[in-house]
Amino acid sequence: MTTAQHKIGSGFDRHSTADDVLAGIDLTGRLAIVTGGYSGLGLETTRALTGAGARVVVPARRRAVAEEAVAGLDGVEVDELDLGDLESVRAFADRFLASGRTVDLVIDNAGIMACPETRVGPGWEAQFATNHLGHFALVNRLWPAIAPGGARIVSVSSTGHHTSDIRWDDPHWHRGDYDKWEAYGQAKTANVLFAVQLDALGKDSGVRAFALHPGGILTPLQRHLPRQEMVERGWIDENGVPLNPEGFKTPEQGAATQVWAATSPQLSGMGGVYCEDCDIAEPAPADGTRVGVRDYAIDPASAARLWALSAELTGVDAFA
């Protein structure tokens, strides 16, 4: 498969921070929507974007918590949004569209990881529904407000996409034993495929889409994992101290790739690619090493197939 998945030599790396990639970039007058922009990487993303002059709307499931978290930041507003509830998604989008504003950047940052089997909406598996379908519906409903000729949509995936392709015959785990990590992997693959197809649909109007792996960061994303499981995975010791601090990024470093994808002039005229460490990622090696991007996550036919499935499930398609 011919692919644009090759490094461009951005000059940044895994140690770069969100402030580093924004150096010299003025976002004054631009508006960003950052889901989950009040915790972990999302909060650092919000802080960095506002620091560069952007106004940021933070849709949040826990509005009071979000308002407290961003209280010290200028240029931030919080609204209610539960990505696992399509009616909540519709209501948020309707409120935003009624404001008459346009959106320059959407960073689909919110997500859940490796949670126990949970059902939302009409019995949907929660990780696929929240991480993918909720964001799919959100972007499609916001499409009339997304600025042509320069807007970017950024879909936060992870190296977890290496764990699973889309389970086309049973995406909601109605059969067999539930595996929380395979379910997470499927959702993260969906995040990449979403960006691939959205870019294909939006590029003629100048709207480009990107997906990315932010890196390994210890944030509230791990809230569903028992401490012992993280110990067994070698992430922390019995006291909760990281065992390999150099293997993890700080939140400032973790937010850098999504901020870079959303704002960097180095990506002008590009889109539909998966990024990591503040550069475009290479295709994953054949030996199974979990770096780069798997072929199935950037396959155009699979991206179109997932778009059609998502539109059917959510009842929303801005391009239909």
C-alpha atoms as a PDB file:
ATOM      1  CA  MET A   1       0.000   0.000   0.000  1.00  0.00           C
ATOM      2  CA  THR A   2       1.386   3.381  -0.987  1.00  0.00           C
ATOM      3  CA  THR A   3       1.383   5.620   2.049  1.00  0.00           C
ATOM      4  CA  ALA A   4       2.301   9.136   3.122  1.00  0.00           C
ATOM      5  CA  GLN A   5       3.334   7.626   6.462  1.00  0.00           C
ATOM      6  CA  HIS A   6       6.926   8.801   6.556  1.00  0.00           C
ATOM      7  CA  LYS A   7       8.770  11.163   8.841  1.00  0.00           C
ATOM      8  CA  ILE A   8       9.209  14.702   7.584  1.00  0.00           C
ATOM      9  CA  GLY A   9      12.047  15.669   9.925  1.00  0.00           C
ATOM     10  CA  SER A  10      10.041  18.094  12.024  1.00  0.00           C
ATOM     11  CA  GLY A  11      12.941  18.943  14.294  1.00  0.00           C
ATOM     12  CA  PHE A  12      10.937  17.880  17.339  1.00  0.00           C
ATOM     13  CA  ASP A  13      11.027  14.584  19.226  1.00  0.00           C
ATOM     14  CA  ARG A  14       9.564  12.676  22.179  1.00  0.00           C
ATOM     15  CA  HIS A  15      11.061  15.184  24.607  1.00  0.00           C
ATOM     16  CA  SER A  16       9.455  18.223  22.972  1.00  0.00           C
ATOM     17  CA  THR A  17       6.682  19.955  24.895  1.00  0.00           C
ATOM     18  CA  ALA A  18       3.467  21.586  23.766  1.00  0.00           C
ATOM     19  CA  ASP A  19       5.069  24.981  24.344  1.00  0.00           C
ATOM     20  CA  ASP A  20       8.062  23.959  22.224  1.00  0.00           C
ATOM     21  CA  VAL A  21       5.943  23.122  19.186  1.00  0.00           C
ATOM     22  CA  LEU A  22       3.932  26.333  19.581  1.00  0.00           C
ATOM     23  CA  ALA A  23       6.980  28.597  19.739  1.00  0.00           C
ATOM     24  CA  GLY A  24       6.447  31.450  17.286  1.00  0.00           C
ATOM     25  CA  ILE A  25       2.859  30.412  16.460  1.00  0.00           C
ATOM     26  CA  ASP A  26       0.165  33.014  17.149  1.00  0.00           C
ATOM     27  CA  LEU A  27      -3.320  31.550  17.595  1.00  0.00           C
ATOM     28  CA  THR A  28      -5.013  34.848  18.396  1.00  0.00           C
ATOM     29  CA  GLY A  29      -8.533  34.880  16.994  1.00  0.00           C
ATOM     30  CA  ARG A  30      -8.683  31.119  16.530  1.00  0.00           C
ATOM     31  CA  LEU A  31     -11.148  28.896  18.352  1.00  0.00           C
ATOM     32  CA  ALA A  32     -10.464  25.326  19.443  1.00  0.00           C
ATOM     33  CA  ILE A  33     -12.701  22.647  20.900  1.00  0.00           C
ATOM     34  CA  VAL A  34     -10.797  20.179  23.092  1.00  0.00           C
ATOM     35  CA  THR A  35     -12.836  17.291  24.464  1.00  0.00           C
ATOM     36  CA  GLY A  36     -11.651  16.293  27.904  1.00  0.00           C
ATOM     37  CA  GLY A  37      -9.619  19.482  27.961  1.00  0.00           C
ATOM     38  CA  TYR A  38      -9.668  19.704  31.744  1.00  0.00           C
ATOM     39  CA  SER A  39      -7.664  16.658  32.817  1.00  0.00           C
ATOM     40  CA  GLY A  40      -4.331  15.048  31.989  1.00  0.00           C
ATOM     41  CA  LEU A  41      -3.146  15.711  28.450  1.00  0.00           C
ATOM     42  CA  GLY A  42      -6.329  17.601  27.673  1.00  0.00           C
ATOM     43  CA  LEU A  43      -5.687  20.178  30.364  1.00  0.00           C
ATOM     44  CA  GLU A  44      -2.115  20.690  29.198  1.00  0.00           C
ATOM     45  CA  THR A  45      -3.403  21.048  25.622  1.00  0.00           C
ATOM     46  CA  THR A  46      -5.905  23.672  26.731  1.00  0.00           C
ATOM     47  CA  ARG A  47      -3.232  25.524  28.666  1.00  0.00           C
ATOM     48  CA  ALA A  48      -0.810  25.539  25.730  1.00  0.00           C
ATOM     49  CA  LEU A  49      -3.405  26.662  23.167  1.00  0.00           C
ATOM     50  CA  THR A  50      -4.682  29.515  25.313  1.00  0.00           C
ATOM     51  CA  GLY A  51      -1.103  30.503  26.025  1.00  0.00           C
ATOM     52  CA  ALA A  52      -0.627  30.954  22.279  1.00  0.00           C
ATOM     53  CA  GLY A  53      -3.716  33.147  22.073  1.00  0.00           C
ATOM     54  CA  ALA A  54      -6.491  30.709  21.151  1.00  0.00           C
ATOM     55  CA  ARG A  55      -9.905  30.606  22.742  1.00  0.00           C
ATOM     56  CA  VAL A  56     -10.769  27.071  23.869  1.00  0.00           C
ATOM     57  CA  VAL A  57     -14.154  25.464  24.438  1.00  0.00           C
ATOM     58  CA  VAL A  58     -13.907  22.494  26.787  1.00  0.00           C
ATOM     59  CA  PRO A  59     -16.876  20.111  26.555  1.00  0.00           C
ATOM     60  CA  ALA A  60     -16.959  18.102  29.767  1.00  0.00           C
ATOM     61  CA  ARG A  61     -18.956  15.273  31.284  1.00  0.00           C
ATOM     62  CA  ARG A  62     -18.097  16.603  34.755  1.00  0.00           C
ATOM     63  CA  ARG A  63     -18.757  20.295  34.271  1.00  0.00           C
ATOM     64  CA  ALA A  64     -18.067  21.439  37.849  1.00  0.00           C
ATOM     65  CA  VAL A  65     -14.762  19.547  37.912  1.00  0.00           C
ATOM     66  CA  ALA A  66     -13.808  21.052  34.558  1.00  0.00           C
ATOM     67  CA  GLU A  67     -14.637  24.590  35.640  1.00  0.00           C
ATOM     68  CA  GLU A  68     -12.451  24.212  38.700  1.00  0.00           C
ATOM     69  CA  ALA A  69      -9.578  22.742  36.673  1.00  0.00           C
ATOM     70  CA  VAL A  70      -9.475  25.564  34.108  1.00  0.00           C
ATOM     71  CA  ALA A  71     -10.345  28.377  36.500  1.00  0.00           C
ATOM     72  CA  GLY A  72      -6.892  29.946  36.254  1.00  0.00           C
ATOM     73  CA  LEU A  73      -6.794  29.999  32.463  1.00  0.00           C
ATOM     74  CA  ASP A  74      -7.939  32.948  30.374  1.00  0.00           C
ATOM     75  CA  GLY A  75      -9.916  32.342  27.209  1.00  0.00           C
ATOM     76  CA  VAL A  76     -11.547  29.059  28.258  1.00  0.00           C
ATOM     77  CA  GLU A  77     -15.233  28.220  28.445  1.00  0.00           C
ATOM     78  CA  VAL A  78     -16.755  24.968  29.661  1.00  0.00           C
ATOM     79  CA  ASP A  79     -19.921  23.295  28.418  1.00  0.00           C
ATOM     80  CA  GLU A  80     -21.590  19.966  29.103  1.00  0.00           C
ATOM     81  CA  LEU A  81     -20.956  16.909  26.943  1.00  0.00           C
ATOM     82  CA  ASP A  82     -21.148  13.175  27.568  1.00  0.00           C
ATOM     83  CA  LEU A  83     -19.623  11.396  24.573  1.00  0.00           C
ATOM     84  CA  GLY A  84     -21.377   8.174  25.558  1.00  0.00           C
ATOM     85  CA  ASP A  85     -24.787   9.822  25.145  1.00  0.00           C
ATOM     86  CA  LEU A  86     -25.698  10.845  21.591  1.00  0.00           C
ATOM     87  CA  GLU A  87     -28.436  13.158  22.833  1.00  0.00           C
ATOM     88  CA  SER A  88     -25.836  14.999  24.911  1.00  0.00           C
ATOM     89  CA  VAL A  89     -23.615  15.254  21.826  1.00  0.00           C
ATOM     90  CA  ARG A  90     -26.501  16.672  19.793  1.00  0.00           C
ATOM     91  CA  ALA A  91     -27.392  19.188  22.507  1.00  0.00           C
ATOM     92  CA  PHE A  92     -23.820  20.441  22.820  1.00  0.00           C
ATOM     93  CA  ALA A  93     -23.455  20.801  19.048  1.00  0.00           C
ATOM     94  CA  ASP A  94     -26.790  22.608  18.782  1.00  0.00           C
ATOM     95  CA  ARG A  95     -25.746  25.081  21.472  1.00  0.00           C
ATOM     96  CA  PHE A  96     -22.461  25.732  19.748  1.00  0.00           C
ATOM     97  CA  LEU A  97     -24.011  26.138  16.298  1.00  0.00           C
ATOM     98  CA  ALA A  98     -26.549  28.574  17.757  1.00  0.00           C
ATOM     99  CA  SER A  99     -23.650  30.786  18.890  1.00  0.00           C
ATOM    100  CA  GLY A 100     -22.811  31.483  15.256  1.00  0.00           C
ATOM    101  CA  ARG A 101     -19.092  30.898  15.769  1.00  0.00           C
ATOM    102  CA  THR A 102     -16.717  28.944  13.577  1.00  0.00           C
ATOM    103  CA  VAL A 103     -14.232  26.313  14.745  1.00  0.00           C
ATOM    104  CA  ASP A 104     -10.613  26.291  13.641  1.00  0.00           C
ATOM    105  CA  LEU A 105      -9.354  23.303  15.636  1.00  0.00           C
ATOM    106  CA  VAL A 106     -11.091  20.255  17.073  1.00  0.00           C
ATOM    107  CA  ILE A 107      -8.981  17.961  19.237  1.00  0.00           C
ATOM    108  CA  ASP A 108     -10.813  14.736  20.057  1.00  0.00           C
ATOM    109  CA  ASN A 109      -8.821  14.103  23.200  1.00  0.00           C
ATOM    110  CA  ALA A 110     -11.288  12.609  25.704  1.00  0.00           C
ATOM    111  CA  GLY A 111     -11.376   8.875  26.158  1.00  0.00           C
ATOM    112  CA  ILE A 112     -11.551   5.876  28.433  1.00  0.00           C
ATOM    113  CA  MET A 113      -9.094   2.984  28.621  1.00  0.00           C
ATOM    114  CA  ALA A 114      -9.374  -0.656  29.607  1.00  0.00           C
ATOM    115  CA  CYS A 115     -12.524  -0.217  31.650  1.00  0.00           C
ATOM    116  CA  PRO A 116     -14.623  -3.174  32.793  1.00  0.00           C
ATOM    117  CA  GLU A 117     -17.288  -4.250  30.322  1.00  0.00           C
ATOM    118  CA  THR A 118     -19.754  -1.367  30.235  1.00  0.00           C
ATOM    119  CA  ARG A 119     -22.747  -0.673  28.001  1.00  0.00           C
ATOM    120  CA  VAL A 120     -23.949   2.757  26.903  1.00  0.00           C
ATOM    121  CA  GLY A 121     -26.734   3.961  24.637  1.00  0.00           C
ATOM    122  CA  PRO A 122     -28.473   1.062  22.862  1.00  0.00           C
ATOM    123  CA  GLY A 123     -26.134  -1.539  24.384  1.00  0.00           C
ATOM    124  CA  TRP A 124     -22.938  -0.300  22.739  1.00  0.00           C
ATOM    125  CA  GLU A 125     -19.541  -1.289  24.114  1.00  0.00           C
ATOM    126  CA  ALA A 126     -18.409   1.772  26.044  1.00  0.00           C
ATOM    127  CA  GLN A 127     -14.856   2.205  24.728  1.00  0.00           C
ATOM    128  CA  PHE A 128     -15.878   2.038  21.053  1.00  0.00           C
ATOM    129  CA  ALA A 129     -18.904   4.218  21.759  1.00  0.00           C
ATOM    130  CA  THR A 130     -17.138   6.882  23.817  1.00  0.00           C
ATOM    131  CA  ASN A 131     -13.743   7.042  22.156  1.00  0.00           C
ATOM    132  CA  HIS A 132     -15.008   6.738  18.586  1.00  0.00           C
ATOM    133  CA  LEU A 133     -18.741   7.003  18.004  1.00  0.00           C
ATOM    134  CA  GLY A 134     -19.211   9.994  20.304  1.00  0.00           C
ATOM    135  CA  HIS A 135     -16.445  11.909  18.559  1.00  0.00           C
ATOM    136  CA  PHE A 136     -17.722  10.821  15.143  1.00  0.00           C
ATOM    137  CA  ALA A 137     -21.158  12.241  15.950  1.00  0.00           C
ATOM    138  CA  LEU A 138     -19.673  15.392  17.469  1.00  0.00           C
ATOM    139  CA  VAL A 139     -17.534  16.309  14.474  1.00  0.00           C
ATOM    140  CA  ASN A 140     -20.314  15.538  11.998  1.00  0.00           C
ATOM    141  CA  ARG A 141     -22.810  17.658  13.933  1.00  0.00           C
ATOM    142  CA  LEU A 142     -20.302  20.506  14.231  1.00  0.00           C
ATOM    143  CA  TRP A 143     -19.406  20.346  10.538  1.00  0.00           C
ATOM    144  CA  PRO A 144     -21.448  23.446   9.543  1.00  0.00           C
ATOM    145  CA  ALA A 145     -19.296  25.482  11.949  1.00  0.00           C
ATOM    146  CA  ILE A 146     -15.924  23.995  11.004  1.00  0.00           C
ATOM    147  CA  ALA A 147     -13.996  26.656   9.109  1.00  0.00           C
ATOM    148  CA  PRO A 148     -13.181  25.744   5.516  1.00  0.00           C
ATOM    149  CA  GLY A 149      -9.745  26.504   4.178  1.00  0.00           C
ATOM    150  CA  GLY A 150      -7.669  25.828   7.261  1.00  0.00           C
ATOM    151  CA  ALA A 151      -9.464  23.963  10.041  1.00  0.00           C
ATOM    152  CA  ARG A 152      -7.878  20.822  11.464  1.00  0.00           C
ATOM    153  CA  ILE A 153      -9.467  17.873  13.241  1.00  0.00           C
ATOM    154  CA  VAL A 154      -7.150  15.860  15.475  1.00  0.00           C
ATOM    155  CA  SER A 155      -8.093  12.384  16.661  1.00  0.00           C
ATOM    156  CA  VAL A 156      -6.121  11.147  19.666  1.00  0.00           C
ATOM    157  CA  SER A 157      -5.379   7.453  19.211  1.00  0.00           C
ATOM    158  CA  SER A 158      -2.543   5.496  20.826  1.00  0.00           C
ATOM    159  CA  THR A 159      -0.124   2.650  20.378  1.00  0.00           C
ATOM    160  CA  GLY A 160      -3.050   0.604  21.671  1.00  0.00           C
ATOM    161  CA  HIS A 161      -4.263   0.399  18.079  1.00  0.00           C
ATOM    162  CA  HIS A 162      -1.617  -2.308  17.560  1.00  0.00           C
ATOM    163  CA  THR A 163      -3.726  -4.627  19.737  1.00  0.00           C
ATOM    164  CA  SER A 164      -6.773  -4.955  17.501  1.00  0.00           C
ATOM    165  CA  ASP A 165      -8.256  -4.169  14.116  1.00  0.00           C
ATOM    166  CA  ILE A 166     -11.993  -3.382  13.970  1.00  0.00           C
ATOM    167  CA  ARG A 167     -14.060  -6.417  14.967  1.00  0.00           C
ATOM    168  CA  TRP A 168     -16.265  -6.015  11.931  1.00  0.00           C
ATOM    169  CA  ASP A 169     -18.563  -8.910  12.769  1.00  0.00           C
ATOM    170  CA  ASP A 170     -19.014  -7.938  16.432  1.00  0.00           C
ATOM    171  CA  PRO A 171     -17.720  -4.441  17.285  1.00  0.00           C
ATOM    172  CA  HIS A 172     -19.805  -4.241  20.463  1.00  0.00           C
ATOM    173  CA  TRP A 173     -18.715  -7.566  21.936  1.00  0.00           C
ATOM    174  CA  HIS A 174     -22.117  -9.199  21.988  1.00  0.00           C
ATOM    175  CA  ARG A 175     -20.436 -12.595  21.604  1.00  0.00           C
ATOM    176  CA  GLY A 176     -17.579 -14.242  23.445  1.00  0.00           C
ATOM    177  CA  ASP A 177     -15.648 -13.141  26.508  1.00  0.00           C
ATOM    178  CA  TYR A 178     -15.002  -9.433  26.775  1.00  0.00           C
ATOM    179  CA  ASP A 179     -11.346  -8.354  26.619  1.00  0.00           C
ATOM    180  CA  LYS A 180     -10.877  -4.800  27.877  1.00  0.00           C
ATOM    181  CA  TRP A 181      -7.534  -4.346  26.121  1.00  0.00           C
ATOM    182  CA  GLU A 182      -8.747  -5.646  22.754  1.00  0.00           C
ATOM    183  CA  ALA A 183     -11.779  -3.377  23.099  1.00  0.00           C
ATOM    184  CA  TYR A 184      -9.473  -0.440  23.784  1.00  0.00           C
ATOM    185  CA  GLY A 185      -7.324  -1.411  20.798  1.00  0.00           C
ATOM    186  CA  GLN A 186     -10.356  -1.515  18.515  1.00  0.00           C
ATOM    187  CA  ALA A 187     -11.431   1.946  19.685  1.00  0.00           C
ATOM    188  CA  LYS A 188      -7.954   3.366  19.077  1.00  0.00           C
ATOM    189  CA  THR A 189      -7.845   1.842  15.588  1.00  0.00           C
ATOM    190  CA  ALA A 190     -11.208   3.474  14.959  1.00  0.00           C
ATOM    191  CA  ASN A 191      -9.710   6.825  15.966  1.00  0.00           C
ATOM    192  CA  VAL A 192      -7.087   6.490  13.234  1.00  0.00           C
ATOM    193  CA  LEU A 193      -9.501   5.286  10.552  1.00  0.00           C
ATOM    194  CA  PHE A 194     -11.837   8.170  11.401  1.00  0.00           C
ATOM    195  CA  ALA A 195      -9.073  10.681  10.640  1.00  0.00           C
ATOM    196  CA  VAL A 196      -8.188   8.902   7.393  1.00  0.00           C
ATOM    197  CA  GLN A 197     -11.740   9.080   6.027  1.00  0.00           C
ATOM    198  CA  LEU A 198     -12.526  12.531   7.414  1.00  0.00           C
ATOM    199  CA  ASP A 199      -9.434  13.883   5.691  1.00  0.00           C
ATOM    200  CA  ALA A 200     -10.473  12.254   2.423  1.00  0.00           C
ATOM    201  CA  LEU A 201     -13.923  13.851   2.694  1.00  0.00           C
ATOM    202  CA  GLY A 202     -12.828  17.240   3.985  1.00  0.00           C
ATOM    203  CA  LYS A 203      -9.625  18.056   2.138  1.00  0.00           C
ATOM    204  CA  ASP A 204     -11.369  19.580  -0.900  1.00  0.00           C
ATOM    205  CA  SER A 205     -12.777  22.241   1.424  1.00  0.00           C
ATOM    206  CA  GLY A 206      -9.402  22.700   3.103  1.00  0.00           C
ATOM    207  CA  VAL A 207     -10.247  20.821   6.304  1.00  0.00           C
ATOM    208  CA  ARG A 208      -7.547  18.320   7.226  1.00  0.00           C
ATOM    209  CA  ALA A 209      -7.537  15.523   9.800  1.00  0.00           C
ATOM    210  CA  PHE A 210      -4.776  13.771  11.714  1.00  0.00           C
ATOM    211  CA  ALA A 211      -4.480  10.943  14.232  1.00  0.00           C
ATOM    212  CA  LEU A 212      -1.702  10.385  16.732  1.00  0.00           C
ATOM    213  CA  HIS A 213      -0.138   8.488  19.592  1.00  0.00           C
ATOM    214  CA  PRO A 214       0.685  10.936  22.390  1.00  0.00           C
ATOM    215  CA  GLY A 215       3.162   8.609  24.104  1.00  0.00           C
ATOM    216  CA  GLY A 216       3.080   6.798  27.412  1.00  0.00           C
ATOM    217  CA  ILE A 217       1.978   9.139  30.182  1.00  0.00           C
ATOM    218  CA  LEU A 218       0.657   8.353  33.644  1.00  0.00           C
ATOM    219  CA  THR A 219      -2.574  10.357  33.799  1.00  0.00           C
ATOM    220  CA  PRO A 220      -6.154   9.837  35.051  1.00  0.00           C
ATOM    221  CA  LEU A 221      -6.663   7.734  31.889  1.00  0.00           C
ATOM    222  CA  GLN A 222      -5.391   4.812  33.978  1.00  0.00           C
ATOM    223  CA  ARG A 223      -8.184   5.242  36.540  1.00  0.00           C
ATOM    224  CA  HIS A 224      -9.826   1.918  35.612  1.00  0.00           C
ATOM    225  CA  LEU A 225      -6.644  -0.091  36.136  1.00  0.00           C
ATOM    226  CA  PRO A 226      -5.972  -1.747  39.492  1.00  0.00           C
ATOM    227  CA  ARG A 227      -2.592  -0.779  40.918  1.00  0.00           C
ATOM    228  CA  GLN A 228      -1.501  -4.414  40.860  1.00  0.00           C
ATOM    229  CA  GLU A 229      -2.108  -4.607  37.106  1.00  0.00           C
ATOM    230  CA  MET A 230       0.104  -1.581  36.547  1.00  0.00           C
ATOM    231  CA  VAL A 231       2.742  -3.172  38.781  1.00  0.00           C
ATOM    232  CA  GLU A 232       2.573  -6.384  36.731  1.00  0.00           C
ATOM    233  CA  ARG A 233       2.941  -4.393  33.534  1.00  0.00           C
ATOM    234  CA  GLY A 234       6.106  -2.833  34.913  1.00  0.00           C
ATOM    235  CA  TRP A 235       4.753   0.706  34.938  1.00  0.00           C
ATOM    236  CA  ILE A 236       4.987   1.389  38.682  1.00  0.00           C
ATOM    237  CA  ASP A 237       6.251  -0.232  41.863  1.00  0.00           C
ATOM    238  CA  GLU A 238       4.103  -1.306  44.790  1.00  0.00           C
ATOM    239  CA  ASN A 239       4.163   2.270  46.109  1.00  0.00           C
ATOM    240  CA  GLY A 240       2.920   3.768  42.844  1.00  0.00           C
ATOM    241  CA  VAL A 241       6.325   5.168  41.803  1.00  0.00           C
ATOM    242  CA  PRO A 242       7.100   4.882  38.057  1.00  0.00           C
ATOM    243  CA  LEU A 243       9.676   2.143  37.506  1.00  0.00           C
ATOM    244  CA  ASN A 244      10.994   3.637  34.286  1.00  0.00           C
ATOM    245  CA  PRO A 245      10.569   7.406  34.461  1.00  0.00           C
ATOM    246  CA  GLU A 246      12.447   7.822  31.173  1.00  0.00           C
ATOM    247  CA  GLY A 247       9.898   5.565  29.489  1.00  0.00           C
ATOM    248  CA  PHE A 248       7.045   7.908  30.310  1.00  0.00           C
ATOM    249  CA  LYS A 249       6.435  11.405  29.052  1.00  0.00           C
ATOM    250  CA  THR A 250       5.399  14.324  31.199  1.00  0.00           C
ATOM    251  CA  PRO A 251       1.943  15.776  30.479  1.00  0.00           C
ATOM    252  CA  GLU A 252       3.676  18.691  28.743  1.00  0.00           C
ATOM    253  CA  GLN A 253       5.496  16.265  26.446  1.00  0.00           C
ATOM    254  CA  GLY A 254       2.426  14.064  26.027  1.00  0.00           C
ATOM    255  CA  ALA A 255       0.322  16.976  24.793  1.00  0.00           C
ATOM    256  CA  ALA A 256       2.943  18.062  22.283  1.00  0.00           C
ATOM    257  CA  THR A 257       2.058  15.768  19.379  1.00  0.00           C
ATOM    258  CA  GLN A 258      -1.643  16.648  19.343  1.00  0.00           C
ATOM    259  CA  VAL A 259      -0.830  20.353  19.596  1.00  0.00           C
ATOM    260  CA  TRP A 260       1.738  19.961  16.803  1.00  0.00           C
ATOM    261  CA  ALA A 261      -0.771  18.137  14.586  1.00  0.00           C
ATOM    262  CA  ALA A 262      -3.371  20.832  15.239  1.00  0.00           C
ATOM    263  CA  THR A 263      -1.192  23.850  14.568  1.00  0.00           C
ATOM    264  CA  SER A 264       2.107  23.142  12.828  1.00  0.00           C
ATOM    265  CA  PRO A 265       2.728  24.879   9.485  1.00  0.00           C
ATOM    266  CA  GLN A 266       4.974  21.909   8.686  1.00  0.00           C
ATOM    267  CA  LEU A 267       1.791  19.914   8.004  1.00  0.00           C
ATOM    268  CA  SER A 268       0.328  22.428   5.573  1.00  0.00           C
ATOM    269  CA  GLY A 269      -1.278  20.616   2.643  1.00  0.00           C
ATOM    270  CA  MET A 270      -1.071  17.273   4.420  1.00  0.00           C
ATOM    271  CA  GLY A 271      -3.576  15.106   6.265  1.00  0.00           C
ATOM    272  CA  GLY A 272      -4.958  11.647   6.873  1.00  0.00           C
ATOM    273  CA  VAL A 273      -1.761  10.505   8.586  1.00  0.00           C
ATOM    274  CA  TYR A 274      -0.866   9.104  12.003  1.00  0.00           C
ATOM    275  CA  CYS A 275       1.725  10.956  14.050  1.00  0.00           C
ATOM    276  CA  GLU A 276       3.932  10.216  17.034  1.00  0.00           C
ATOM    277  CA  ASP A 277       6.689  12.099  18.844  1.00  0.00           C
ATOM    278  CA  CYS A 278       5.823  15.334  17.010  1.00  0.00           C
ATOM    279  CA  ASP A 279       6.384  13.930  13.535  1.00  0.00           C
ATOM    280  CA  ILE A 280       4.551  11.742  11.044  1.00  0.00           C
ATOM    281  CA  ALA A 281       5.005   8.106  12.054  1.00  0.00           C
ATOM    282  CA  GLU A 282       6.530   5.405   9.901  1.00  0.00           C
ATOM    283  CA  PRO A 283       4.603   2.230   9.005  1.00  0.00           C
ATOM    284  CA  ALA A 284       4.857  -0.362  11.769  1.00  0.00           C
ATOM    285  CA  PRO A 285       7.677  -2.881  11.279  1.00  0.00           C
ATOM    286  CA  ALA A 286       6.801  -6.425  10.321  1.00  0.00           C
ATOM    287  CA  ASP A 287       8.297  -7.855  13.514  1.00  0.00           C
ATOM    288  CA  GLY A 288       5.337  -6.658  15.589  1.00  0.00           C
ATOM    289  CA  THR A 289       7.187  -3.931  17.492  1.00  0.00           C
ATOM    290  CA  ARG A 290       4.609  -1.467  18.770  1.00  0.00           C
ATOM    291  CA  VAL A 291       5.904   1.638  17.027  1.00  0.00           C
ATOM    292  CA  GLY A 292       4.546   3.412  13.976  1.00  0.00           C
ATOM    293  CA  VAL A 293       1.139   2.649  12.536  1.00  0.00           C
ATOM    294  CA  ARG A 294      -0.381  -0.667  11.481  1.00  0.00           C
ATOM    295  CA  ASP A 295      -1.542  -1.013   7.881  1.00  0.00           C
ATOM    296  CA  TYR A 296      -5.107  -1.858   8.894  1.00  0.00           C
ATOM    297  CA  ALA A 297      -5.439   1.445  10.752  1.00  0.00           C
ATOM    298  CA  ILE A 298      -4.706   3.578   7.680  1.00  0.00           C
ATOM    299  CA  ASP A 299      -6.367   1.439   5.021  1.00  0.00           C
ATOM    300  CA  PRO A 300      -8.660   3.711   2.948  1.00  0.00           C
ATOM    301  CA  ALA A 301     -11.214   0.960   2.276  1.00  0.00           C
ATOM    302  CA  SER A 302     -11.482   0.149   5.980  1.00  0.00           C
ATOM    303  CA  ALA A 303     -11.752   3.861   6.777  1.00  0.00           C
ATOM    304  CA  ALA A 304     -14.685   4.233   4.379  1.00  0.00           C
ATOM    305  CA  ARG A 305     -16.291   1.074   5.753  1.00  0.00           C
ATOM    306  CA  LEU A 306     -16.008   2.299   9.344  1.00  0.00           C
ATOM    307  CA  TRP A 307     -17.426   5.694   8.360  1.00  0.00           C
ATOM    308  CA  ALA A 308     -20.478   4.016   6.834  1.00  0.00           C
ATOM    309  CA  LEU A 309     -20.945   1.815   9.912  1.00  0.00           C
ATOM    310  CA  SER A 310     -20.571   4.795  12.254  1.00  0.00           C
ATOM    311  CA  ALA A 311     -23.050   6.877  10.270  1.00  0.00           C
ATOM    312  CA  GLU A 312     -25.541   4.009  10.409  1.00  0.00           C
ATOM    313  CA  LEU A 313     -25.114   3.586  14.160  1.00  0.00           C
ATOM    314  CA  THR A 314     -25.248   7.272  15.071  1.00  0.00           C
ATOM    315  CA  GLY A 315     -27.694   8.458  12.411  1.00  0.00           C
ATOM    316  CA  VAL A 316     -25.353  11.345  11.551  1.00  0.00           C
ATOM    317  CA  ASP A 317     -23.310  11.956   8.389  1.00  0.00           C
ATOM    318  CA  ALA A 318     -22.426  15.499   7.336  1.00  0.00           C
ATOM    319  CA  PHE A 319     -21.357  14.266   3.908  1.00  0.00           C
ATOM    320  CA  ALA A 320     -24.394  12.169   3.007  1.00  0.00           C
END
